[in-house]
Amino acid sequence: MTKHRSPDERSEQILNAARACFLDEGYFATKMDTIARESGLSKGGIYFHFESKRDIFLALVHEEYQNSMSFIDNVDAQAKDITGVLLELAEHFMQLFASTDRPRFMVIMGEMALRDAEVAKLLRELQLNYFNRISALIARGVETGQVRECDSYGVAIVLKSLLDGVQANFALGIEMDLEATIGAAMDVLINGLIRIDD
């Protein structure tokens, strides 16, 4: 007999199973039967919570986004100086990339964006939200005098793109010394790269 769970717990059970299946077989090769088997539920039980495999995938994408934004908001709410906020964000996401399947799931999201215009549109919107959120953080740093005058939106694009690049390296299985990589990123961020002689 299946243990009684709340609808939210059942949805999470399905999402976890689907994520494992997508990572193992890819989105297109994964069948609803496989998700049902992995989750320990019937196909009817899956369809009670989600209309389609695509809806499950989109729920996983939104979950990734919400988790990231919640963490950024929580760190920012602690009202640390800009360096402290950026360092905490860098450490969190680097550890997340190194210890979870998130980088591999990013590859699946990219594949879906190439094949599905609606998914591509959604991912663009989410990425723009990231840019805006980071830009606001940088702009506040400029206003408080912690960051030099700069194009905060352009800097936000560069910072998010750097983070995405690191995530792609993890997806490829490239090994990195996390502490050294975070240190190098913060060094470039805080001190710049090009030496300017007085």
Protein backbone atom coordinates (compact mmCIF):
# COMPACT_ATOMS: atom_id res chain seq x y z
CA MET A 1 0.00 0.00 0.00
CA THR A 2 1.32 3.43 -0.98
CA LYS A 3 1.97 5.83 1.87
CA HIS A 4 -0.44 8.77 1.88
CA ARG A 5 1.29 12.00 0.93
CA SER A 6 0.11 15.55 0.40
CA PRO A 7 -0.32 16.82 -3.18
CA ASP A 8 2.85 18.90 -2.81
CA GLU A 9 4.81 15.86 -1.63
CA ARG A 10 3.46 13.80 -4.53
CA SER A 11 4.40 16.54 -7.00
CA GLU A 12 7.90 16.65 -5.58
CA GLN A 13 8.12 12.86 -5.79
CA ILE A 14 7.19 13.03 -9.47
CA LEU A 15 9.58 15.92 -10.19
CA ASN A 16 12.48 14.09 -8.55
CA ALA A 17 11.73 10.94 -10.53
CA ALA A 18 11.35 12.84 -13.80
CA ARG A 19 14.58 14.73 -13.25
CA ALA A 20 16.45 11.47 -12.71
CA CYS A 21 14.92 10.04 -15.89
CA PHE A 22 15.71 13.14 -17.97
CA LEU A 23 19.31 13.07 -16.76
CA ASP A 24 19.63 9.35 -17.45
CA GLU A 25 17.87 9.11 -20.81
CA GLY A 26 17.41 12.68 -22.03
CA TYR A 27 14.10 14.49 -22.31
CA PHE A 28 12.93 13.06 -25.62
CA ALA A 29 13.79 9.43 -24.87
CA THR A 30 12.05 9.55 -21.48
CA LYS A 31 8.51 8.15 -21.51
CA MET A 32 5.77 8.80 -18.97
CA ASP A 33 5.85 5.07 -18.21
CA THR A 34 9.49 5.46 -17.16
CA ILE A 35 8.68 8.41 -14.90
CA ALA A 36 5.81 6.46 -13.34
CA ARG A 37 8.05 3.48 -12.70
CA GLU A 38 10.82 5.66 -11.24
CA SER A 39 8.36 7.50 -8.98
CA GLY A 40 6.58 4.35 -7.83
CA LEU A 41 3.24 5.77 -9.01
CA SER A 42 0.82 4.85 -11.75
CA LYS A 43 0.65 6.85 -14.96
CA GLY A 44 -2.77 8.01 -13.77
CA GLY A 45 -1.14 9.25 -10.59
CA ILE A 46 1.35 11.25 -12.66
CA TYR A 47 -1.38 12.74 -14.86
CA PHE A 48 -3.38 13.71 -11.78
CA HIS A 49 -0.59 16.19 -10.93
CA PHE A 50 0.81 17.08 -14.37
CA GLU A 51 -0.89 17.23 -17.76
CA SER A 52 2.16 16.11 -19.72
CA LYS A 53 5.86 15.32 -19.66
CA ARG A 54 6.45 18.84 -20.94
CA ASP A 55 4.58 20.31 -17.96
CA ILE A 56 6.81 18.27 -15.64
CA PHE A 57 9.89 19.62 -17.41
CA LEU A 58 8.67 23.22 -17.18
CA ALA A 59 7.95 22.74 -13.46
CA LEU A 60 11.55 21.59 -13.00
CA VAL A 61 12.86 24.67 -14.85
CA HIS A 62 10.75 26.98 -12.65
CA GLU A 63 11.91 25.14 -9.54
CA GLU A 64 15.56 25.70 -10.51
CA TYR A 65 14.88 29.38 -11.10
CA GLN A 66 12.91 29.91 -7.87
CA ASN A 67 15.58 28.17 -5.78
CA SER A 68 18.29 30.39 -7.26
CA MET A 69 16.34 33.62 -6.90
CA SER A 70 15.33 32.79 -3.33
CA PHE A 71 18.95 32.27 -2.40
CA ILE A 72 20.02 35.54 -4.05
CA ASP A 73 17.24 37.41 -2.25
CA ASN A 74 18.13 35.83 1.11
CA VAL A 75 21.80 36.72 0.79
CA ASP A 76 20.98 40.24 -0.37
CA ALA A 77 18.51 40.74 2.52
CA GLN A 78 21.34 40.26 4.99
CA ALA A 79 22.56 43.69 3.85
CA LYS A 80 26.22 42.74 3.62
CA ASP A 81 28.67 44.84 1.67
CA ILE A 82 28.69 44.11 -2.06
CA THR A 83 31.91 42.07 -1.85
CA GLY A 84 30.40 39.84 0.83
CA VAL A 85 27.23 39.32 -1.17
CA LEU A 86 29.12 38.45 -4.37
CA LEU A 87 31.50 36.12 -2.52
CA GLU A 88 28.64 34.27 -0.84
CA LEU A 89 26.82 33.91 -4.14
CA ALA A 90 29.96 32.67 -5.91
CA GLU A 91 30.69 30.11 -3.18
CA HIS A 92 27.09 28.88 -3.10
CA PHE A 93 26.69 28.39 -6.83
CA MET A 94 30.15 26.86 -7.30
CA GLN A 95 29.44 24.34 -4.53
CA LEU A 96 26.03 23.69 -6.05
CA PHE A 97 27.55 23.01 -9.48
CA ALA A 98 30.20 20.73 -8.01
CA SER A 99 27.90 18.66 -5.81
CA THR A 100 24.59 18.34 -7.70
CA ASP A 101 23.27 17.36 -11.13
CA ARG A 102 22.36 20.98 -11.90
CA PRO A 103 25.04 21.46 -14.61
CA ARG A 104 23.82 18.38 -16.50
CA PHE A 105 20.22 19.54 -16.20
CA MET A 106 21.31 22.86 -17.72
CA VAL A 107 22.44 20.94 -20.82
CA ILE A 108 18.98 19.36 -21.11
CA MET A 109 17.38 22.80 -20.79
CA GLY A 110 19.64 24.04 -23.60
CA GLU A 111 18.68 21.11 -25.81
CA MET A 112 15.01 21.82 -25.20
CA ALA A 113 15.49 25.50 -26.04
CA LEU A 114 16.94 24.51 -29.43
CA ARG A 115 13.91 22.35 -30.23
CA ASP A 116 11.04 24.21 -28.57
CA ALA A 117 10.46 27.92 -29.25
CA GLU A 118 8.25 28.30 -26.19
CA VAL A 119 10.89 26.82 -23.89
CA ALA A 120 13.53 29.05 -25.52
CA LYS A 121 11.32 32.08 -24.83
CA LEU A 122 10.85 31.04 -21.21
CA LEU A 123 14.59 30.53 -20.67
CA ARG A 124 15.34 33.93 -22.23
CA GLU A 125 12.84 35.56 -19.85
CA LEU A 126 14.37 33.84 -16.84
CA GLN A 127 17.88 34.81 -17.93
CA LEU A 128 16.80 38.43 -18.35
CA ASN A 129 15.34 38.30 -14.83
CA TYR A 130 18.74 37.14 -13.55
CA PHE A 131 20.43 40.01 -15.41
CA ASN A 132 18.01 42.54 -13.91
CA ARG A 133 18.42 41.16 -10.39
CA ILE A 134 22.22 41.20 -10.53
CA SER A 135 22.17 44.61 -12.21
CA ALA A 136 20.13 46.03 -9.32
CA LEU A 137 22.67 44.61 -6.88
CA ILE A 138 25.57 46.21 -8.78
CA ALA A 139 23.70 49.52 -9.15
CA ARG A 140 23.16 49.61 -5.39
CA GLY A 141 26.86 49.05 -4.93
CA VAL A 142 27.55 52.03 -7.18
CA GLU A 143 25.07 54.19 -5.24
CA THR A 144 26.68 53.30 -1.90
CA GLY A 145 30.18 53.96 -3.25
CA GLN A 146 31.32 50.32 -2.92
CA VAL A 147 31.48 49.84 -6.70
CA ARG A 148 33.00 52.24 -9.21
CA GLU A 149 30.78 53.84 -11.83
CA CYS A 150 29.94 51.23 -14.46
CA ASP A 151 27.25 49.90 -16.76
CA SER A 152 25.55 47.76 -14.11
CA TYR A 153 23.45 45.84 -16.63
CA GLY A 154 26.45 45.05 -18.82
CA VAL A 155 28.40 43.91 -15.75
CA ALA A 156 25.44 41.74 -14.72
CA ILE A 157 25.46 40.02 -18.12
CA VAL A 158 29.20 39.36 -17.83
CA LEU A 159 28.94 38.00 -14.27
CA LYS A 160 25.99 35.72 -15.07
CA SER A 161 27.70 34.54 -18.25
CA LEU A 162 30.85 33.70 -16.29
CA LEU A 163 28.78 31.69 -13.84
CA ASP A 164 27.01 29.90 -16.71
CA GLY A 165 30.40 29.11 -18.25
CA VAL A 166 31.63 27.55 -15.01
CA GLN A 167 28.43 25.52 -14.86
CA ALA A 168 29.02 24.31 -18.44
CA ASN A 169 32.53 23.18 -17.48
CA PHE A 170 31.10 21.11 -14.64
CA ALA A 171 28.55 19.64 -17.07
CA LEU A 172 31.46 18.50 -19.23
CA GLY A 173 33.14 16.88 -16.23
CA ILE A 174 36.02 19.34 -16.06
CA GLU A 175 37.57 19.20 -12.60
CA MET A 176 38.26 22.47 -10.82
CA ASP A 177 39.76 23.52 -7.54
CA LEU A 178 36.73 25.33 -6.17
CA GLU A 179 38.57 27.46 -3.65
CA ALA A 180 41.18 28.54 -6.21
CA THR A 181 38.55 29.25 -8.88
CA ILE A 182 36.41 31.32 -6.51
CA GLY A 183 39.53 33.17 -5.36
CA ALA A 184 40.53 33.93 -8.96
CA ALA A 185 37.02 35.14 -9.79
CA MET A 186 36.90 37.44 -6.79
CA ASP A 187 40.41 38.73 -7.51
CA VAL A 188 39.44 39.69 -11.07
CA LEU A 189 36.15 41.15 -9.84
CA ILE A 190 37.68 43.24 -7.08
CA ASN A 191 41.09 44.15 -8.52
CA GLY A 192 40.55 43.96 -12.27
CA LEU A 193 42.90 42.19 -14.64
CA ILE A 194 44.86 44.80 -16.55
CA ARG A 195 47.70 46.51 -14.70
CA ILE A 196 47.65 50.28 -15.04
CA ASP A 197 50.92 51.93 -14.10
CA ASP A 198 50.77 55.30 -12.39
